Amino acid sequence: MDGKEAKELVRRGYDALSVQYDEAFGSETKYGDWLGELLTRIPDRSRVLDVGCGAGVPVAKVLADSGHQVTGVDISEVQVARARERVPNATFLQGDVTTLELPAGEFDAVLSFYALIHIPVDEQEALLQRIGTWLRPGGMFVATVGATAWTGAEENWLGGDVPMWWSHADADATRAWIEAAGLVVERVEFVPEADSGHTLIWASLRALHN
């Protein structure tokens, strides 16, 4: 399966099961600790990019309701439509983030929770390089990435009649890509989930020095 076909699987899966995904993973309450810490670390009225924003809750909603200027991007038209309804005080874009054009130094923080793992692994290093350019010096990057290397699909995802697809390197490889993009990795945490898990990485773009 090539990258275009894989992304189409992801798009169709989230289009079909947007509501079921929220119900399965408790969209109203997930990421509470992560968002709470982020809110203490970014300036007032920060510009924040949410990569793989889903239906806007909780990330975009929590940040926008706290006075930040949030832009979300997601490949799923249904997810973006729901996000626009649920979080009218944020901006949402529908499309493939690997081809998204954004100004350099535009954001105080870029977040990506359980989204990079849906992007073909051979496109992730280049995307992380671009994310590095989107951040202002000192800006935060917080993301969940794979703990181990794996690419594959699951049929009948979430009990529906559509498949879902994932692709990721191991945590060490992804960390190396993040550092090569000019970011300093501050903390790496394993996030257990049933008999497996993901990796949470906190990083920041190196500040400019005179």
N, C-alpha and C. Protein backbone atom coordinates (compact mmCIF):
# COMPACT_ATOMS: atom_id res chain seq x y z
N MET A 1 0.84 -1.19 0.00
CA MET A 1 0.00 0.00 0.00
C MET A 1 0.88 1.25 0.00
N ASP A 2 0.64 2.17 -0.91
CA ASP A 2 1.44 3.39 -0.93
C ASP A 2 0.86 4.42 0.04
N GLY A 3 1.62 5.53 0.21
CA GLY A 3 1.22 6.52 1.18
C GLY A 3 -0.14 7.14 0.91
N LYS A 4 -0.44 7.39 -0.34
CA LYS A 4 -1.73 7.99 -0.69
C LYS A 4 -2.88 7.07 -0.31
N GLU A 5 -2.73 5.78 -0.59
CA GLU A 5 -3.78 4.82 -0.24
C GLU A 5 -3.93 4.72 1.28
N ALA A 6 -2.81 4.74 1.99
CA ALA A 6 -2.86 4.64 3.45
C ALA A 6 -3.58 5.85 4.05
N LYS A 7 -3.27 7.04 3.57
CA LYS A 7 -3.94 8.24 4.08
C LYS A 7 -5.43 8.21 3.78
N GLU A 8 -5.80 7.64 2.64
CA GLU A 8 -7.21 7.53 2.31
C GLU A 8 -7.93 6.59 3.29
N LEU A 9 -7.26 5.52 3.70
CA LEU A 9 -7.84 4.64 4.72
C LEU A 9 -8.09 5.41 6.02
N VAL A 10 -7.11 6.20 6.42
CA VAL A 10 -7.24 6.98 7.64
C VAL A 10 -8.39 7.98 7.52
N ARG A 11 -8.43 8.68 6.40
CA ARG A 11 -9.50 9.67 6.20
C ARG A 11 -10.88 9.02 6.27
N ARG A 12 -11.04 7.92 5.55
CA ARG A 12 -12.34 7.26 5.53
C ARG A 12 -12.71 6.71 6.90
N GLY A 13 -11.72 6.19 7.61
CA GLY A 13 -12.00 5.66 8.94
C GLY A 13 -12.52 6.70 9.89
N TYR A 14 -11.87 7.87 9.91
CA TYR A 14 -12.33 8.92 10.82
C TYR A 14 -13.61 9.59 10.33
N ASP A 15 -13.79 9.67 9.02
CA ASP A 15 -15.07 10.17 8.50
C ASP A 15 -16.22 9.29 8.98
N ALA A 16 -16.00 7.98 8.96
CA ALA A 16 -17.08 7.05 9.29
C ALA A 16 -17.32 6.94 10.79
N LEU A 17 -16.26 7.06 11.59
CA LEU A 17 -16.37 6.72 13.01
C LEU A 17 -15.95 7.87 13.93
N SER A 18 -16.15 9.09 13.49
CA SER A 18 -15.77 10.24 14.29
C SER A 18 -16.43 10.22 15.67
N VAL A 19 -17.73 10.04 15.72
CA VAL A 19 -18.46 10.04 16.99
C VAL A 19 -18.06 8.84 17.83
N GLN A 20 -17.95 7.67 17.21
CA GLN A 20 -17.57 6.47 17.95
C GLN A 20 -16.19 6.60 18.55
N TYR A 21 -15.27 7.27 17.85
CA TYR A 21 -13.93 7.48 18.38
C TYR A 21 -13.99 8.31 19.66
N ASP A 22 -14.75 9.39 19.63
CA ASP A 22 -14.89 10.23 20.83
C ASP A 22 -15.46 9.42 22.00
N GLU A 23 -16.46 8.61 21.72
CA GLU A 23 -17.09 7.81 22.77
C GLU A 23 -16.11 6.78 23.32
N ALA A 24 -15.33 6.17 22.45
CA ALA A 24 -14.42 5.11 22.87
C ALA A 24 -13.27 5.63 23.72
N PHE A 25 -12.82 6.86 23.45
CA PHE A 25 -11.63 7.37 24.11
C PHE A 25 -11.88 8.56 25.03
N GLY A 26 -13.14 8.81 25.37
CA GLY A 26 -13.47 9.83 26.36
C GLY A 26 -12.98 11.21 26.00
N SER A 27 -13.45 11.72 24.89
CA SER A 27 -12.89 12.96 24.34
C SER A 27 -13.02 14.15 25.29
N GLU A 28 -14.00 14.16 26.16
CA GLU A 28 -14.20 15.33 27.02
C GLU A 28 -13.11 15.46 28.08
N THR A 29 -12.50 14.34 28.48
CA THR A 29 -11.61 14.36 29.64
C THR A 29 -10.18 13.94 29.34
N LYS A 30 -9.89 13.40 28.17
CA LYS A 30 -8.53 12.90 27.91
C LYS A 30 -7.54 14.07 27.80
N TYR A 31 -6.27 13.77 28.03
CA TYR A 31 -5.16 14.73 27.92
C TYR A 31 -5.19 15.82 28.97
N GLY A 32 -5.99 15.65 30.03
CA GLY A 32 -6.14 16.72 31.01
C GLY A 32 -4.83 17.19 31.62
N ASP A 33 -4.00 16.25 32.06
CA ASP A 33 -2.74 16.62 32.69
C ASP A 33 -1.80 17.29 31.69
N TRP A 34 -1.76 16.77 30.47
CA TRP A 34 -0.88 17.33 29.45
C TRP A 34 -1.28 18.77 29.13
N LEU A 35 -2.58 18.99 28.94
CA LEU A 35 -3.04 20.33 28.62
C LEU A 35 -2.85 21.28 29.80
N GLY A 36 -3.07 20.76 31.00
CA GLY A 36 -2.86 21.59 32.18
C GLY A 36 -1.43 22.07 32.28
N GLU A 37 -0.47 21.18 32.02
CA GLU A 37 0.94 21.60 32.05
C GLU A 37 1.24 22.59 30.93
N LEU A 38 0.73 22.30 29.74
CA LEU A 38 0.99 23.20 28.62
C LEU A 38 0.51 24.61 28.91
N LEU A 39 -0.66 24.73 29.54
CA LEU A 39 -1.22 26.05 29.82
C LEU A 39 -0.33 26.86 30.76
N THR A 40 0.47 26.18 31.56
CA THR A 40 1.38 26.90 32.46
C THR A 40 2.68 27.31 31.77
N ARG A 41 2.88 26.80 30.54
CA ARG A 41 4.18 26.99 29.89
C ARG A 41 4.16 27.87 28.65
N ILE A 42 2.98 28.26 28.19
CA ILE A 42 2.90 29.09 27.00
C ILE A 42 2.38 30.48 27.37
N PRO A 43 2.78 31.51 26.61
CA PRO A 43 2.35 32.87 26.93
C PRO A 43 0.84 33.05 26.72
N ASP A 44 0.29 34.09 27.31
CA ASP A 44 -1.10 34.46 27.07
C ASP A 44 -1.31 34.69 25.57
N ARG A 45 -2.48 34.31 25.10
CA ARG A 45 -2.87 34.48 23.70
C ARG A 45 -1.84 33.88 22.74
N SER A 46 -1.34 32.73 23.10
CA SER A 46 -0.40 32.02 22.23
C SER A 46 -1.09 31.55 20.97
N ARG A 47 -0.30 31.41 19.92
CA ARG A 47 -0.78 30.81 18.68
C ARG A 47 -0.39 29.34 18.72
N VAL A 48 -1.38 28.46 18.64
CA VAL A 48 -1.16 27.03 18.81
C VAL A 48 -1.70 26.28 17.59
N LEU A 49 -0.91 25.35 17.08
CA LEU A 49 -1.32 24.49 15.98
C LEU A 49 -1.56 23.09 16.53
N ASP A 50 -2.75 22.56 16.26
CA ASP A 50 -3.12 21.20 16.68
C ASP A 50 -3.13 20.32 15.44
N VAL A 51 -2.09 19.49 15.29
CA VAL A 51 -1.95 18.61 14.13
C VAL A 51 -2.72 17.32 14.39
N GLY A 52 -3.72 17.06 13.55
CA GLY A 52 -4.61 15.92 13.79
C GLY A 52 -5.61 16.28 14.87
N CYS A 53 -6.30 17.39 14.66
CA CYS A 53 -7.15 17.98 15.69
C CYS A 53 -8.40 17.20 15.99
N GLY A 54 -8.76 16.24 15.11
CA GLY A 54 -9.98 15.49 15.32
C GLY A 54 -11.20 16.41 15.36
N ALA A 55 -12.11 16.11 16.26
CA ALA A 55 -13.35 16.88 16.35
C ALA A 55 -13.24 18.06 17.31
N GLY A 56 -12.01 18.45 17.67
CA GLY A 56 -11.81 19.70 18.39
C GLY A 56 -11.83 19.63 19.90
N VAL A 57 -12.25 18.50 20.45
CA VAL A 57 -12.37 18.36 21.91
C VAL A 57 -11.49 17.19 22.36
N PRO A 58 -10.64 17.41 23.35
CA PRO A 58 -10.58 18.58 24.22
C PRO A 58 -9.55 19.62 23.83
N VAL A 59 -8.59 19.30 22.98
CA VAL A 59 -7.40 20.14 22.82
C VAL A 59 -7.77 21.55 22.37
N ALA A 60 -8.38 21.68 21.20
CA ALA A 60 -8.70 23.01 20.68
C ALA A 60 -9.64 23.76 21.62
N LYS A 61 -10.62 23.05 22.17
CA LYS A 61 -11.59 23.71 23.04
C LYS A 61 -10.93 24.24 24.30
N VAL A 62 -10.15 23.41 24.97
CA VAL A 62 -9.49 23.85 26.21
C VAL A 62 -8.60 25.06 25.94
N LEU A 63 -7.81 25.00 24.88
CA LEU A 63 -6.88 26.09 24.60
C LEU A 63 -7.60 27.35 24.14
N ALA A 64 -8.59 27.19 23.26
CA ALA A 64 -9.32 28.37 22.79
C ALA A 64 -10.11 29.02 23.92
N ASP A 65 -10.72 28.21 24.77
CA ASP A 65 -11.47 28.76 25.90
C ASP A 65 -10.56 29.44 26.91
N SER A 66 -9.25 29.12 26.86
CA SER A 66 -8.28 29.76 27.74
C SER A 66 -7.68 31.01 27.11
N GLY A 67 -8.20 31.41 25.95
CA GLY A 67 -7.78 32.66 25.33
C GLY A 67 -6.68 32.53 24.29
N HIS A 68 -6.34 31.30 23.91
CA HIS A 68 -5.28 31.11 22.92
C HIS A 68 -5.87 31.06 21.50
N GLN A 69 -5.02 31.37 20.53
CA GLN A 69 -5.44 31.40 19.13
C GLN A 69 -5.08 30.04 18.51
N VAL A 70 -6.09 29.22 18.33
CA VAL A 70 -5.86 27.82 17.95
C VAL A 70 -6.21 27.60 16.48
N THR A 71 -5.30 26.92 15.79
CA THR A 71 -5.56 26.42 14.44
C THR A 71 -5.43 24.91 14.48
N GLY A 72 -6.46 24.22 14.01
CA GLY A 72 -6.42 22.77 13.94
C GLY A 72 -6.43 22.31 12.50
N VAL A 73 -5.75 21.21 12.23
CA VAL A 73 -5.76 20.62 10.89
C VAL A 73 -6.00 19.13 11.02
N ASP A 74 -6.84 18.61 10.14
CA ASP A 74 -7.15 17.18 10.15
C ASP A 74 -7.50 16.74 8.73
N ILE A 75 -7.18 15.49 8.43
CA ILE A 75 -7.43 14.96 7.09
C ILE A 75 -8.90 14.62 6.87
N SER A 76 -9.65 14.46 7.96
CA SER A 76 -11.05 14.02 7.88
C SER A 76 -12.00 15.21 7.77
N GLU A 77 -12.81 15.22 6.74
CA GLU A 77 -13.80 16.29 6.56
C GLU A 77 -14.84 16.27 7.68
N VAL A 78 -15.22 15.08 8.11
CA VAL A 78 -16.23 14.97 9.17
C VAL A 78 -15.67 15.49 10.48
N GLN A 79 -14.44 15.13 10.79
CA GLN A 79 -13.83 15.62 12.02
C GLN A 79 -13.75 17.15 12.03
N VAL A 80 -13.33 17.72 10.92
CA VAL A 80 -13.20 19.17 10.84
C VAL A 80 -14.56 19.85 10.94
N ALA A 81 -15.57 19.30 10.30
CA ALA A 81 -16.91 19.88 10.38
C ALA A 81 -17.42 19.86 11.82
N ARG A 82 -17.20 18.76 12.52
CA ARG A 82 -17.62 18.68 13.92
C ARG A 82 -16.82 19.65 14.79
N ALA A 83 -15.52 19.77 14.52
CA ALA A 83 -14.70 20.70 15.29
C ALA A 83 -15.18 22.13 15.13
N ARG A 84 -15.53 22.52 13.91
CA ARG A 84 -16.01 23.88 13.69
C ARG A 84 -17.29 24.16 14.46
N GLU A 85 -18.15 23.16 14.60
CA GLU A 85 -19.39 23.33 15.36
C GLU A 85 -19.12 23.40 16.85
N ARG A 86 -18.20 22.57 17.33
CA ARG A 86 -17.97 22.44 18.77
C ARG A 86 -17.05 23.52 19.32
N VAL A 87 -16.17 24.04 18.48
CA VAL A 87 -15.20 25.05 18.95
C VAL A 87 -15.20 26.21 17.96
N PRO A 88 -16.25 27.04 17.99
CA PRO A 88 -16.36 28.12 17.01
C PRO A 88 -15.31 29.21 17.19
N ASN A 89 -14.64 29.26 18.32
CA ASN A 89 -13.63 30.28 18.58
C ASN A 89 -12.22 29.81 18.20
N ALA A 90 -12.13 28.78 17.35
CA ALA A 90 -10.86 28.34 16.79
C ALA A 90 -10.99 28.24 15.28
N THR A 91 -9.87 28.04 14.60
CA THR A 91 -9.84 27.91 13.14
C THR A 91 -9.45 26.49 12.78
N PHE A 92 -10.16 25.89 11.83
CA PHE A 92 -9.88 24.50 11.45
C PHE A 92 -9.71 24.38 9.94
N LEU A 93 -8.68 23.62 9.57
CA LEU A 93 -8.35 23.38 8.18
C LEU A 93 -8.46 21.89 7.88
N GLN A 94 -9.05 21.55 6.73
CA GLN A 94 -9.13 20.15 6.32
C GLN A 94 -8.07 19.90 5.26
N GLY A 95 -7.22 18.89 5.50
CA GLY A 95 -6.22 18.57 4.50
C GLY A 95 -5.11 17.70 5.07
N ASP A 96 -4.16 17.40 4.22
CA ASP A 96 -3.00 16.58 4.55
C ASP A 96 -1.91 17.49 5.12
N VAL A 97 -1.58 17.30 6.39
CA VAL A 97 -0.62 18.20 7.03
C VAL A 97 0.76 18.12 6.39
N THR A 98 1.08 17.02 5.72
CA THR A 98 2.41 16.91 5.11
C THR A 98 2.57 17.84 3.92
N THR A 99 1.48 18.37 3.40
CA THR A 99 1.55 19.32 2.28
C THR A 99 1.07 20.72 2.67
N LEU A 100 0.79 20.91 3.95
CA LEU A 100 0.26 22.19 4.42
C LEU A 100 1.35 23.26 4.38
N GLU A 101 0.99 24.42 3.88
CA GLU A 101 1.92 25.56 3.82
C GLU A 101 1.55 26.56 4.91
N LEU A 102 2.49 26.80 5.83
CA LEU A 102 2.27 27.74 6.92
C LEU A 102 3.49 28.64 7.05
N PRO A 103 3.30 29.86 7.57
CA PRO A 103 4.45 30.78 7.70
C PRO A 103 5.47 30.29 8.72
N ALA A 104 6.71 30.62 8.50
CA ALA A 104 7.76 30.31 9.47
C ALA A 104 7.55 31.11 10.75
N GLY A 105 7.83 30.50 11.89
CA GLY A 105 7.74 31.19 13.16
C GLY A 105 6.35 31.62 13.55
N GLU A 106 5.34 30.91 13.05
CA GLU A 106 3.95 31.32 13.25
C GLU A 106 3.40 30.94 14.62
N PHE A 107 3.92 29.87 15.23
CA PHE A 107 3.24 29.30 16.40
C PHE A 107 4.12 29.26 17.64
N ASP A 108 3.46 29.49 18.78
CA ASP A 108 4.11 29.35 20.08
C ASP A 108 4.13 27.90 20.54
N ALA A 109 3.25 27.08 19.99
CA ALA A 109 3.24 25.66 20.32
C ALA A 109 2.61 24.88 19.17
N VAL A 110 3.13 23.69 18.94
CA VAL A 110 2.53 22.74 18.01
C VAL A 110 2.29 21.45 18.78
N LEU A 111 1.07 20.95 18.70
CA LEU A 111 0.68 19.73 19.41
C LEU A 111 0.25 18.68 18.40
N SER A 112 0.49 17.42 18.74
CA SER A 112 -0.01 16.34 17.88
C SER A 112 -0.19 15.09 18.74
N PHE A 113 -1.43 14.85 19.13
CA PHE A 113 -1.74 13.71 19.98
C PHE A 113 -2.39 12.60 19.15
N TYR A 114 -1.69 11.47 19.07
CA TYR A 114 -2.18 10.27 18.36
C TYR A 114 -2.54 10.57 16.91
N ALA A 115 -1.72 11.39 16.25
CA ALA A 115 -1.95 11.74 14.85
C ALA A 115 -0.75 11.44 13.97
N LEU A 116 0.46 11.76 14.45
CA LEU A 116 1.65 11.43 13.66
C LEU A 116 1.69 9.94 13.33
N ILE A 117 1.15 9.13 14.20
CA ILE A 117 1.17 7.67 14.01
C ILE A 117 0.27 7.21 12.87
N HIS A 118 -0.51 8.13 12.30
CA HIS A 118 -1.33 7.81 11.12
C HIS A 118 -0.69 8.30 9.82
N ILE A 119 0.51 8.87 9.91
CA ILE A 119 1.20 9.39 8.73
C ILE A 119 2.27 8.39 8.31
N PRO A 120 2.41 8.09 7.03
CA PRO A 120 3.44 7.12 6.61
C PRO A 120 4.80 7.46 7.21
N VAL A 121 5.44 6.45 7.77
CA VAL A 121 6.68 6.69 8.52
C VAL A 121 7.74 7.35 7.66
N ASP A 122 7.74 7.07 6.36
CA ASP A 122 8.77 7.68 5.52
C ASP A 122 8.49 9.15 5.20
N GLU A 123 7.36 9.68 5.68
CA GLU A 123 7.06 11.11 5.53
C GLU A 123 7.21 11.88 6.84
N GLN A 124 7.44 11.17 7.93
CA GLN A 124 7.40 11.83 9.24
C GLN A 124 8.62 12.71 9.51
N GLU A 125 9.81 12.29 9.08
CA GLU A 125 10.99 13.11 9.33
C GLU A 125 10.86 14.47 8.65
N ALA A 126 10.40 14.48 7.40
CA ALA A 126 10.24 15.74 6.68
C ALA A 126 9.17 16.61 7.34
N LEU A 127 8.10 16.00 7.82
CA LEU A 127 7.06 16.77 8.50
C LEU A 127 7.61 17.40 9.77
N LEU A 128 8.39 16.66 10.53
CA LEU A 128 8.97 17.21 11.75
C LEU A 128 9.91 18.37 11.44
N GLN A 129 10.63 18.29 10.34
CA GLN A 129 11.45 19.42 9.92
C GLN A 129 10.59 20.66 9.66
N ARG A 130 9.44 20.47 9.03
CA ARG A 130 8.56 21.60 8.74
C ARG A 130 7.95 22.15 10.03
N ILE A 131 7.59 21.26 10.94
CA ILE A 131 7.07 21.72 12.22
C ILE A 131 8.10 22.59 12.93
N GLY A 132 9.37 22.22 12.84
CA GLY A 132 10.41 23.04 13.42
C GLY A 132 10.44 24.45 12.86
N THR A 133 10.14 24.59 11.58
CA THR A 133 10.12 25.93 10.97
C THR A 133 8.87 26.70 11.37
N TRP A 134 7.77 26.01 11.69
CA TRP A 134 6.53 26.70 12.05
C TRP A 134 6.58 27.29 13.45
N LEU A 135 7.45 26.77 14.29
CA LEU A 135 7.55 27.24 15.67
C LEU A 135 8.39 28.52 15.75
N ARG A 136 8.03 29.39 16.68
CA ARG A 136 8.88 30.52 17.01
C ARG A 136 10.02 30.01 17.89
N PRO A 137 11.15 30.71 17.98
CA PRO A 137 12.21 30.30 18.90
C PRO A 137 11.69 30.17 20.33
N GLY A 138 11.98 29.06 20.96
CA GLY A 138 11.48 28.79 22.30
C GLY A 138 10.11 28.14 22.32
N GLY A 139 9.48 27.99 21.15
CA GLY A 139 8.15 27.40 21.08
C GLY A 139 8.14 25.93 21.46
N MET A 140 6.99 25.45 21.94
CA MET A 140 6.85 24.09 22.44
C MET A 140 6.34 23.15 21.36
N PHE A 141 6.84 21.93 21.37
CA PHE A 141 6.29 20.84 20.56
C PHE A 141 5.99 19.69 21.50
N VAL A 142 4.73 19.25 21.51
CA VAL A 142 4.31 18.14 22.37
C VAL A 142 3.56 17.14 21.50
N ALA A 143 4.00 15.88 21.54
CA ALA A 143 3.41 14.89 20.63
C ALA A 143 3.47 13.50 21.23
N THR A 144 2.50 12.69 20.85
CA THR A 144 2.57 11.26 21.11
C THR A 144 3.04 10.58 19.83
N VAL A 145 4.01 9.70 19.99
CA VAL A 145 4.60 8.99 18.86
C VAL A 145 4.66 7.50 19.22
N GLY A 146 5.12 6.70 18.27
CA GLY A 146 5.22 5.28 18.54
C GLY A 146 6.30 4.96 19.56
N ALA A 147 6.06 3.92 20.35
CA ALA A 147 7.09 3.43 21.26
C ALA A 147 8.00 2.43 20.55
N THR A 148 7.41 1.63 19.67
CA THR A 148 8.15 0.67 18.86
C THR A 148 7.78 0.88 17.40
N ALA A 149 8.62 0.37 16.51
CA ALA A 149 8.36 0.52 15.08
C ALA A 149 7.27 -0.46 14.64
N TRP A 150 6.30 0.07 13.90
CA TRP A 150 5.22 -0.80 13.41
C TRP A 150 4.42 -0.06 12.34
N THR A 151 4.04 -0.77 11.31
CA THR A 151 3.11 -0.27 10.31
C THR A 151 2.10 -1.37 10.02
N GLY A 152 0.82 -1.02 10.04
CA GLY A 152 -0.20 -2.03 9.77
C GLY A 152 -1.59 -1.47 9.89
N ALA A 153 -2.56 -2.33 9.66
CA ALA A 153 -3.97 -1.93 9.67
C ALA A 153 -4.77 -2.85 10.58
N GLU A 154 -5.93 -2.35 10.98
CA GLU A 154 -6.88 -3.15 11.76
C GLU A 154 -8.22 -3.11 11.04
N GLU A 155 -8.73 -4.27 10.71
CA GLU A 155 -10.04 -4.34 10.08
C GLU A 155 -11.13 -4.10 11.13
N ASN A 156 -12.26 -3.61 10.68
CA ASN A 156 -13.42 -3.41 11.58
C ASN A 156 -13.03 -2.61 12.83
N TRP A 157 -12.36 -1.51 12.58
CA TRP A 157 -11.87 -0.65 13.66
C TRP A 157 -13.02 -0.14 14.52
N LEU A 158 -12.82 -0.17 15.83
CA LEU A 158 -13.82 0.27 16.81
C LEU A 158 -15.17 -0.43 16.63
N GLY A 159 -15.12 -1.64 16.09
CA GLY A 159 -16.35 -2.39 15.89
C GLY A 159 -17.16 -1.96 14.69
N GLY A 160 -16.62 -1.05 13.88
CA GLY A 160 -17.33 -0.60 12.68
C GLY A 160 -16.97 -1.47 11.49
N ASP A 161 -17.36 -1.03 10.32
CA ASP A 161 -17.11 -1.81 9.11
C ASP A 161 -16.04 -1.19 8.24
N VAL A 162 -15.16 -0.37 8.87
CA VAL A 162 -14.07 0.25 8.13
C VAL A 162 -12.74 -0.08 8.81
N PRO A 163 -11.65 -0.13 8.05
CA PRO A 163 -10.33 -0.37 8.65
C PRO A 163 -9.69 0.94 9.10
N MET A 164 -8.63 0.79 9.91
CA MET A 164 -7.78 1.93 10.28
C MET A 164 -6.34 1.50 10.08
N TRP A 165 -5.46 2.50 9.86
CA TRP A 165 -4.07 2.24 9.50
C TRP A 165 -3.14 3.11 10.34
N TRP A 166 -2.00 2.53 10.74
CA TRP A 166 -1.01 3.25 11.55
C TRP A 166 0.38 3.00 10.99
N SER A 167 1.30 3.92 11.29
CA SER A 167 2.68 3.76 10.85
C SER A 167 3.58 4.60 11.75
N HIS A 168 4.59 3.97 12.35
CA HIS A 168 5.50 4.75 13.18
C HIS A 168 6.85 4.05 13.35
N ALA A 169 7.87 4.86 13.54
CA ALA A 169 9.18 4.37 13.92
C ALA A 169 9.19 4.15 15.43
N ASP A 170 10.31 3.65 15.94
CA ASP A 170 10.40 3.55 17.40
C ASP A 170 10.70 4.93 17.99
N ALA A 171 10.59 5.01 19.31
CA ALA A 171 10.71 6.31 19.97
C ALA A 171 12.08 6.94 19.79
N ASP A 172 13.14 6.12 19.78
CA ASP A 172 14.48 6.68 19.63
C ASP A 172 14.66 7.32 18.25
N ALA A 173 14.16 6.68 17.21
CA ALA A 173 14.27 7.23 15.86
C ALA A 173 13.49 8.54 15.75
N THR A 174 12.28 8.55 16.29
CA THR A 174 11.49 9.78 16.21
C THR A 174 12.14 10.90 17.01
N ARG A 175 12.69 10.56 18.17
CA ARG A 175 13.39 11.58 18.96
C ARG A 175 14.55 12.17 18.16
N ALA A 176 15.28 11.32 17.46
CA ALA A 176 16.40 11.81 16.65
C ALA A 176 15.92 12.75 15.55
N TRP A 177 14.79 12.45 14.94
CA TRP A 177 14.24 13.33 13.91
C TRP A 177 13.84 14.67 14.51
N ILE A 178 13.24 14.65 15.70
CA ILE A 178 12.83 15.88 16.37
C ILE A 178 14.06 16.75 16.68
N GLU A 179 15.11 16.12 17.17
CA GLU A 179 16.33 16.87 17.49
C GLU A 179 16.98 17.41 16.22
N ALA A 180 16.93 16.64 15.13
CA ALA A 180 17.50 17.11 13.86
C ALA A 180 16.73 18.29 13.29
N ALA A 181 15.47 18.46 13.73
CA ALA A 181 14.66 19.60 13.30
C ALA A 181 14.97 20.86 14.10
N GLY A 182 15.94 20.78 15.00
CA GLY A 182 16.35 21.95 15.76
C GLY A 182 15.70 22.09 17.11
N LEU A 183 15.01 21.04 17.56
CA LEU A 183 14.33 21.11 18.86
C LEU A 183 15.16 20.40 19.92
N VAL A 184 14.98 20.85 21.16
CA VAL A 184 15.61 20.22 22.31
C VAL A 184 14.55 19.36 23.00
N VAL A 185 14.79 18.06 23.09
CA VAL A 185 13.85 17.17 23.77
C VAL A 185 14.03 17.33 25.27
N GLU A 186 12.97 17.71 25.96
CA GLU A 186 13.02 17.97 27.39
C GLU A 186 12.62 16.76 28.21
N ARG A 187 11.66 15.99 27.70
CA ARG A 187 11.15 14.86 28.49
C ARG A 187 10.54 13.84 27.57
N VAL A 188 10.74 12.58 27.90
CA VAL A 188 10.16 11.47 27.14
C VAL A 188 9.46 10.56 28.14
N GLU A 189 8.18 10.26 27.90
CA GLU A 189 7.41 9.43 28.83
C GLU A 189 6.72 8.31 28.06
N PHE A 190 6.73 7.12 28.62
CA PHE A 190 5.96 6.02 28.05
C PHE A 190 4.52 6.12 28.55
N VAL A 191 3.57 6.03 27.63
CA VAL A 191 2.14 6.11 27.97
C VAL A 191 1.54 4.72 27.76
N PRO A 192 1.35 3.94 28.84
CA PRO A 192 0.86 2.57 28.67
C PRO A 192 -0.60 2.53 28.23
N GLU A 193 -0.92 1.57 27.40
CA GLU A 193 -2.29 1.36 26.92
C GLU A 193 -2.49 -0.13 26.71
N ALA A 194 -3.29 -0.74 27.61
CA ALA A 194 -3.53 -2.18 27.56
C ALA A 194 -2.18 -2.91 27.58
N ASP A 195 -1.90 -3.73 26.57
CA ASP A 195 -0.64 -4.47 26.56
C ASP A 195 0.44 -3.80 25.72
N SER A 196 0.25 -2.54 25.37
CA SER A 196 1.25 -1.81 24.59
C SER A 196 1.27 -0.36 25.08
N GLY A 197 1.54 0.58 24.18
CA GLY A 197 1.54 1.98 24.58
C GLY A 197 2.21 2.86 23.54
N HIS A 198 2.25 4.15 23.84
CA HIS A 198 2.88 5.13 22.98
C HIS A 198 3.89 5.92 23.80
N THR A 199 4.55 6.86 23.16
CA THR A 199 5.55 7.69 23.81
C THR A 199 5.14 9.15 23.70
N LEU A 200 5.18 9.86 24.82
CA LEU A 200 4.88 11.29 24.85
C LEU A 200 6.21 12.04 24.90
N ILE A 201 6.39 12.97 23.98
CA ILE A 201 7.62 13.75 23.92
C ILE A 201 7.30 15.24 24.09
N TRP A 202 8.02 15.88 25.00
CA TRP A 202 7.97 17.33 25.19
C TRP A 202 9.29 17.90 24.66
N ALA A 203 9.21 18.88 23.78
CA ALA A 203 10.41 19.47 23.20
C ALA A 203 10.18 20.96 22.98
N SER A 204 11.24 21.69 22.78
CA SER A 204 11.13 23.12 22.47
C SER A 204 12.17 23.50 21.45
N LEU A 205 11.82 24.50 20.63
CA LEU A 205 12.74 24.97 19.62
C LEU A 205 13.83 25.81 20.27
N ARG A 206 15.06 25.56 19.87
CA ARG A 206 16.17 26.32 20.45
C ARG A 206 15.94 27.82 20.26
N ALA A 207 16.10 28.56 21.33
CA ALA A 207 15.93 30.01 21.27
C ALA A 207 17.12 30.64 20.54
N LEU A 208 16.87 31.76 19.89
CA LEU A 208 17.93 32.49 19.23
C LEU A 208 18.79 33.22 20.26
N HIS A 209 20.09 33.29 20.01
CA HIS A 209 20.99 34.00 20.91
C HIS A 209 21.70 35.10 20.14
N ASN A 210 21.93 36.19 20.81
CA ASN A 210 22.66 37.29 20.18
C ASN A 210 24.15 36.96 20.07
